[in-house]
């Protein structure tokens, strides 16, 4: 569970839990027309294609567009990580992407519900994991998943690496679904990591982590949002939960409700309206799980 100090961080958590908003800039074209959903229609006189406009988000330093990623493919300065389930990765993924699964940077000792299970790895363990994947402080690290099948663990991983102080981490806007919609190449050929030593991590920023003690102490004091499916909220344990139901007072909101049909995040105004319907304003503290 993560505590979110400002609404902009909620977008990273709720859609990664997941969903992140942001990297700067879009390419300039002779003729553009912006849509309310953050997409631009680009026209060169012969063809028209949609480009997601991440510049509409106030804090966009950790988003990367498919167009930007496509230009980086094959570069020695890129580490591309696929956070889908292994069977989905094996079927199709972006060329050069390394499959890391859905809990790559989390403690998986024991079973769900055990103390510490699912929390971010200790710093020395995370350092070792990242070095095994070829990550250092200079490379651009891009994570993605098919957010409708994956199930969106890329956002969680981005959040974890941000907590650890890496500032070169990006989340692919729209994930694999939007990448495919644009007609970009996918492959079933697995990519192998190129291990590298020397990654430096900071002490974890605990202000973005909510313990169960924190949640209990803030019941009825701040909004608590359950972003799982409605059936899980109502008691299903099909996803491996050790207990059914939800935390007392939590409001149910599927994280995918913040996404467009192609996997890209909805516009800032749409997201603000959605969150306002749950009693969350842009500057509010709230917790999601």
Protein backbone atom coordinates (compact mmCIF):
# COMPACT_ATOMS: atom_id res chain seq x y z
CA UNK A 1 0.00 0.00 0.00
CA UNK A 2 1.24 3.48 -0.83
CA UNK A 3 0.48 6.87 0.56
CA UNK A 4 0.09 9.63 -1.99
CA UNK A 5 0.88 13.18 -0.94
CA UNK A 6 -0.43 14.92 -4.00
CA UNK A 7 -2.87 14.03 -6.69
CA UNK A 8 -0.22 13.91 -9.40
CA UNK A 9 1.43 10.97 -7.62
CA UNK A 10 -1.91 9.17 -7.45
CA UNK A 11 -1.84 8.79 -11.18
CA UNK A 12 1.41 6.91 -10.93
CA UNK A 13 0.09 4.67 -8.16
CA UNK A 14 -3.52 4.19 -9.19
CA UNK A 15 -2.50 2.84 -12.46
CA UNK A 16 0.33 0.79 -11.10
CA UNK A 17 -0.99 -0.26 -8.86
CA UNK A 18 -0.75 1.60 -11.83
CA UNK A 19 -0.78 4.65 -13.86
CA UNK A 20 1.72 7.29 -14.41
CA UNK A 21 1.49 10.63 -16.02
CA UNK A 22 4.25 12.23 -17.59
CA UNK A 23 7.38 13.00 -19.79
CA UNK A 24 7.78 16.25 -21.64
CA UNK A 25 7.11 17.38 -25.11
CA UNK A 26 5.64 16.17 -28.37
CA UNK A 27 7.04 16.42 -31.85
CA UNK A 28 6.06 19.48 -33.82
CA UNK A 29 4.04 18.96 -36.99
CA UNK A 30 2.76 21.40 -39.61
CA UNK A 31 -0.83 20.71 -38.67
CA UNK A 32 -2.09 19.42 -35.33
CA UNK A 33 -5.44 19.17 -33.66
CA UNK A 34 -5.61 18.31 -29.98
CA UNK A 35 -8.37 16.09 -28.63
CA UNK A 36 -9.78 16.14 -25.11
CA UNK A 37 -8.21 12.76 -24.40
CA UNK A 38 -4.61 13.91 -24.75
CA UNK A 39 -4.11 12.72 -28.32
CA UNK A 40 -2.96 14.75 -31.31
CA UNK A 41 -3.85 14.11 -34.91
CA UNK A 42 -0.71 14.59 -36.98
CA UNK A 43 -1.02 15.39 -40.66
CA UNK A 44 1.74 15.50 -43.26
CA UNK A 45 -0.55 15.71 -46.28
CA UNK A 46 -0.41 11.98 -46.97
CA UNK A 47 -1.03 10.11 -43.76
CA UNK A 48 -2.64 10.74 -40.41
CA UNK A 49 -1.69 9.10 -37.13
CA UNK A 50 -2.59 9.67 -33.51
CA UNK A 51 0.08 10.67 -31.04
CA UNK A 52 -0.61 10.78 -27.33
CA UNK A 53 0.09 14.25 -25.99
CA UNK A 54 1.78 13.82 -22.61
CA UNK A 55 2.50 17.56 -22.38
CA UNK A 56 -1.06 18.13 -21.13
CA UNK A 57 -0.09 16.62 -17.77
CA UNK A 58 1.46 18.96 -15.24
CA UNK A 59 4.01 16.41 -14.01
CA UNK A 60 5.10 14.36 -16.96
CA UNK A 61 8.79 13.64 -16.39
CA UNK A 62 8.27 9.90 -15.99
CA UNK A 63 6.18 9.13 -19.08
CA UNK A 64 7.56 8.24 -22.49
CA UNK A 65 5.53 8.01 -25.68
CA UNK A 66 5.67 5.03 -28.06
CA UNK A 67 7.19 7.35 -30.67
CA UNK A 68 9.98 8.35 -28.30
CA UNK A 69 10.62 4.75 -27.28
CA UNK A 70 10.69 3.56 -30.89
CA UNK A 71 13.59 5.92 -31.56
CA UNK A 72 15.53 4.41 -28.63
CA UNK A 73 15.12 0.73 -29.57
CA UNK A 74 18.49 -0.93 -30.08
CA UNK A 75 20.36 1.76 -28.18
CA UNK A 76 22.97 0.75 -25.61
CA UNK A 77 21.57 3.54 -23.42
CA UNK A 78 18.18 1.82 -23.06
CA UNK A 79 17.03 -0.94 -20.72
CA UNK A 80 13.49 -1.99 -21.71
CA UNK A 81 11.56 -4.06 -19.16
CA UNK A 82 8.29 -5.93 -19.78
CA UNK A 83 6.22 -6.30 -16.59
CA UNK A 84 3.60 -8.67 -18.01
CA UNK A 85 2.94 -12.17 -16.78
CA UNK A 86 5.47 -14.61 -18.30
CA UNK A 87 2.93 -16.29 -20.61
CA UNK A 88 1.92 -12.94 -22.09
CA UNK A 89 5.55 -11.92 -22.56
CA UNK A 90 6.29 -15.23 -24.28
CA UNK A 91 3.51 -14.63 -26.78
CA UNK A 92 4.40 -11.07 -27.77
CA UNK A 93 6.44 -8.14 -26.53
CA UNK A 94 8.34 -5.12 -27.79
CA UNK A 95 11.63 -6.12 -29.48
CA UNK A 96 14.52 -6.00 -27.02
CA UNK A 97 12.30 -6.04 -23.95
CA UNK A 98 13.41 -8.19 -21.00
CA UNK A 99 10.58 -10.04 -19.27
CA UNK A 100 10.60 -9.38 -15.51
CA UNK A 101 7.10 -10.52 -14.50
CA UNK A 102 4.70 -8.76 -12.14
CA UNK A 103 6.59 -8.69 -8.82
CA UNK A 104 10.17 -8.28 -9.98
CA UNK A 105 11.16 -5.73 -7.35
CA UNK A 106 9.02 -7.04 -4.49
CA UNK A 107 9.64 -9.40 -1.60
CA UNK A 108 8.08 -12.77 -2.48
CA UNK A 109 9.24 -14.82 0.49
CA UNK A 110 6.35 -16.85 1.85
CA UNK A 111 2.83 -16.19 0.57
CA UNK A 112 0.45 -13.22 0.21
CA UNK A 113 -0.49 -11.96 3.65
CA UNK A 114 2.79 -12.92 5.30
CA UNK A 115 4.69 -10.03 6.94
CA UNK A 116 6.60 -8.10 4.30
CA UNK A 117 5.27 -10.06 1.33
CA UNK A 118 4.83 -7.83 -1.72
CA UNK A 119 6.78 -4.90 -0.27
CA UNK A 120 9.76 -3.40 -2.08
CA UNK A 121 12.98 -5.40 -1.85
CA UNK A 122 15.61 -4.28 0.62
CA UNK A 123 18.06 -1.84 -0.91
CA UNK A 124 20.94 -4.31 -1.31
CA UNK A 125 18.62 -6.90 -2.87
CA UNK A 126 17.11 -4.34 -5.25
CA UNK A 127 20.59 -3.18 -6.25
CA UNK A 128 21.58 -6.76 -7.07
CA UNK A 129 18.37 -7.29 -9.05
CA UNK A 130 18.82 -4.12 -11.09
CA UNK A 131 22.45 -4.88 -11.87
CA UNK A 132 21.45 -8.33 -13.10
CA UNK A 133 19.13 -6.58 -15.57
CA UNK A 134 21.85 -4.20 -16.79
CA UNK A 135 20.44 -1.11 -15.08
CA UNK A 136 22.72 1.69 -13.96
CA UNK A 137 22.21 5.37 -13.13
CA UNK A 138 22.94 6.54 -16.67
CA UNK A 139 20.76 4.27 -18.77
CA UNK A 140 17.16 5.14 -19.56
CA UNK A 141 14.97 2.45 -18.00
CA UNK A 142 11.55 2.05 -19.64
CA UNK A 143 8.85 -0.21 -18.22
CA UNK A 144 5.60 -1.26 -19.82
CA UNK A 145 2.92 -3.94 -19.78
CA UNK A 146 -0.33 -4.81 -21.49
CA UNK A 147 -2.41 -3.03 -18.87
CA UNK A 148 -5.54 -5.01 -19.76
CA UNK A 149 -3.92 -8.44 -19.49
CA UNK A 150 -0.66 -7.86 -17.66
CA UNK A 151 -2.08 -6.74 -15.13
CA UNK A 152 -0.40 -3.34 -15.10
CA UNK A 153 2.57 -4.13 -12.87
CA UNK A 154 4.75 -1.69 -14.80
CA UNK A 155 3.39 1.23 -12.80
CA UNK A 156 4.16 -0.49 -9.52
CA UNK A 157 7.73 -1.14 -10.69
CA UNK A 158 8.20 2.48 -11.79
CA UNK A 159 6.95 3.67 -8.42
CA UNK A 160 9.32 1.30 -6.59
CA UNK A 161 12.35 2.50 -8.56
CA UNK A 162 11.34 6.12 -7.99
CA UNK A 163 11.11 5.42 -4.25
CA UNK A 164 14.67 4.05 -4.50
CA UNK A 165 15.88 7.29 -6.04
CA UNK A 166 16.37 6.36 -9.70
CA UNK A 167 15.54 9.40 -11.84
CA UNK A 168 16.02 7.76 -15.24
CA UNK A 169 12.91 5.57 -15.09
CA UNK A 170 10.04 5.96 -17.56
CA UNK A 171 6.60 4.42 -18.02
CA UNK A 172 5.39 3.78 -21.57
CA UNK A 173 2.16 5.70 -22.14
CA UNK A 174 -0.53 3.26 -23.21
CA UNK A 175 1.69 0.23 -22.70
CA UNK A 176 1.70 -2.64 -25.17
CA UNK A 177 -1.90 -2.11 -26.28
CA UNK A 178 -1.24 1.41 -27.55
CA UNK A 179 2.10 0.34 -29.04
CA UNK A 180 0.26 -2.29 -31.10
CA UNK A 181 -2.53 0.13 -32.03
CA UNK A 182 0.11 2.31 -33.66
CA UNK A 183 1.23 -0.67 -35.74
CA UNK A 184 4.65 -0.95 -34.13
CA UNK A 185 6.55 -4.23 -34.19
CA UNK A 186 6.19 -6.98 -31.59
CA UNK A 187 8.08 -10.25 -31.29
CA UNK A 188 8.05 -13.51 -29.38
CA UNK A 189 11.87 -13.73 -29.27
CA UNK A 190 13.05 -13.28 -25.67
CA UNK A 191 15.74 -10.72 -24.92
CA UNK A 192 18.60 -11.46 -22.57
CA UNK A 193 19.83 -8.91 -20.03
CA UNK A 194 23.39 -7.61 -20.06
CA UNK A 195 24.40 -7.49 -16.38
CA UNK A 196 26.19 -4.38 -15.21
CA UNK A 197 27.60 -3.28 -11.85
CA UNK A 198 27.63 0.08 -10.14
CA UNK A 199 24.00 1.15 -9.79
CA UNK A 200 23.58 3.54 -6.86
CA UNK A 201 20.32 3.73 -4.90
CA UNK A 202 19.16 6.23 -2.32
CA UNK A 203 17.53 5.45 0.99
CA UNK A 204 13.87 4.79 0.33
CA UNK A 205 11.50 7.73 0.55
CA UNK A 206 9.20 6.41 3.26
CA UNK A 207 6.74 9.27 2.82
CA UNK A 208 5.23 7.41 -0.13
CA UNK A 209 4.75 4.14 1.74
CA UNK A 210 1.76 3.44 3.98
CA UNK A 211 2.05 0.66 6.53
CA UNK A 212 -1.00 -1.08 7.94
CA UNK A 213 -0.42 0.91 11.13
CA UNK A 214 -0.60 4.13 9.13
CA UNK A 215 -3.80 3.02 7.40
CA UNK A 216 -5.40 1.98 10.68
CA UNK A 217 -4.46 5.27 12.29
CA UNK A 218 -6.04 7.23 9.45
CA UNK A 219 -9.32 5.35 9.04
CA UNK A 220 -12.11 7.92 8.74
CA UNK A 221 -9.49 10.68 8.46
CA UNK A 222 -8.54 10.40 4.80
CA UNK A 223 -9.88 8.65 1.72
CA UNK A 224 -8.89 5.01 1.26
CA UNK A 225 -9.28 3.65 -2.28
CA UNK A 226 -9.42 -0.06 -3.19
CA UNK A 227 -8.32 -0.27 -6.84
CA UNK A 228 -8.92 -4.00 -7.30
CA UNK A 229 -11.82 -5.51 -9.21
CA UNK A 230 -15.32 -5.24 -7.79
CA UNK A 231 -15.49 -8.99 -7.11
CA UNK A 232 -12.26 -8.79 -5.09
CA UNK A 233 -13.62 -5.79 -3.23
CA UNK A 234 -16.71 -7.81 -2.39
CA UNK A 235 -14.77 -10.81 -1.12
CA UNK A 236 -13.36 -12.92 -3.97
CA UNK A 237 -9.97 -14.49 -3.23
CA UNK A 238 -9.35 -15.64 -6.81
CA UNK A 239 -6.32 -13.34 -7.12
CA UNK A 240 -4.59 -14.97 -4.16
CA UNK A 241 -5.69 -12.74 -1.29
CA UNK A 242 -5.29 -14.48 2.07
CA UNK A 243 -8.59 -12.95 3.23
CA UNK A 244 -11.69 -11.84 1.36
CA UNK A 245 -13.30 -8.43 1.50
CA UNK A 246 -11.79 -4.97 1.85
CA UNK A 247 -10.48 -2.56 4.46
CA UNK A 248 -13.25 -0.92 6.45
CA UNK A 249 -14.31 2.36 4.87
CA UNK A 250 -12.41 1.83 1.61
CA UNK A 251 -14.05 3.00 -1.60
CA UNK A 252 -14.02 0.75 -4.64
CA UNK A 253 -12.51 2.12 -7.85
CA UNK A 254 -10.93 -0.11 -10.49
CA UNK A 255 -7.63 1.49 -11.49
CA UNK A 256 -8.35 0.88 -15.16
CA UNK A 257 -11.17 3.43 -14.92
CA UNK A 258 -8.47 6.07 -15.26
CA UNK A 259 -7.47 4.72 -18.67
CA UNK A 260 -8.78 5.19 -22.18
CA UNK A 261 -9.74 2.13 -24.22
CA UNK A 262 -6.27 1.99 -25.78
CA UNK A 263 -4.52 2.02 -22.40
CA UNK A 264 -3.44 5.66 -22.35
CA UNK A 265 -4.37 7.74 -19.28
CA UNK A 266 -7.48 9.87 -19.46
CA UNK A 267 -7.13 13.63 -19.60
CA UNK A 268 -6.22 15.55 -16.43
CA UNK A 269 -9.72 17.05 -16.21
CA UNK A 270 -11.34 13.62 -16.54
CA UNK A 271 -9.12 12.15 -13.86
CA UNK A 272 -9.75 15.05 -11.51
CA UNK A 273 -13.52 14.58 -11.95
CA UNK A 274 -13.25 10.86 -11.28
CA UNK A 275 -11.19 11.38 -8.15
CA UNK A 276 -13.50 14.17 -6.98
CA UNK A 277 -16.37 11.70 -7.11
CA UNK A 278 -14.47 9.71 -4.46
CA UNK A 279 -13.87 12.78 -2.33
CA UNK A 280 -10.26 13.35 -3.40
CA UNK A 281 -9.03 16.80 -4.39
CA UNK A 282 -5.65 17.49 -6.08
CA UNK A 283 -3.84 18.45 -2.86
CA UNK A 284 -5.35 15.77 -0.62
CA UNK A 285 -3.46 12.95 1.04
CA UNK A 286 -5.05 9.57 0.42
CA UNK A 287 -4.07 5.91 0.34
CA UNK A 288 -4.61 3.31 -2.37
CA UNK A 289 -4.22 -0.44 -2.30
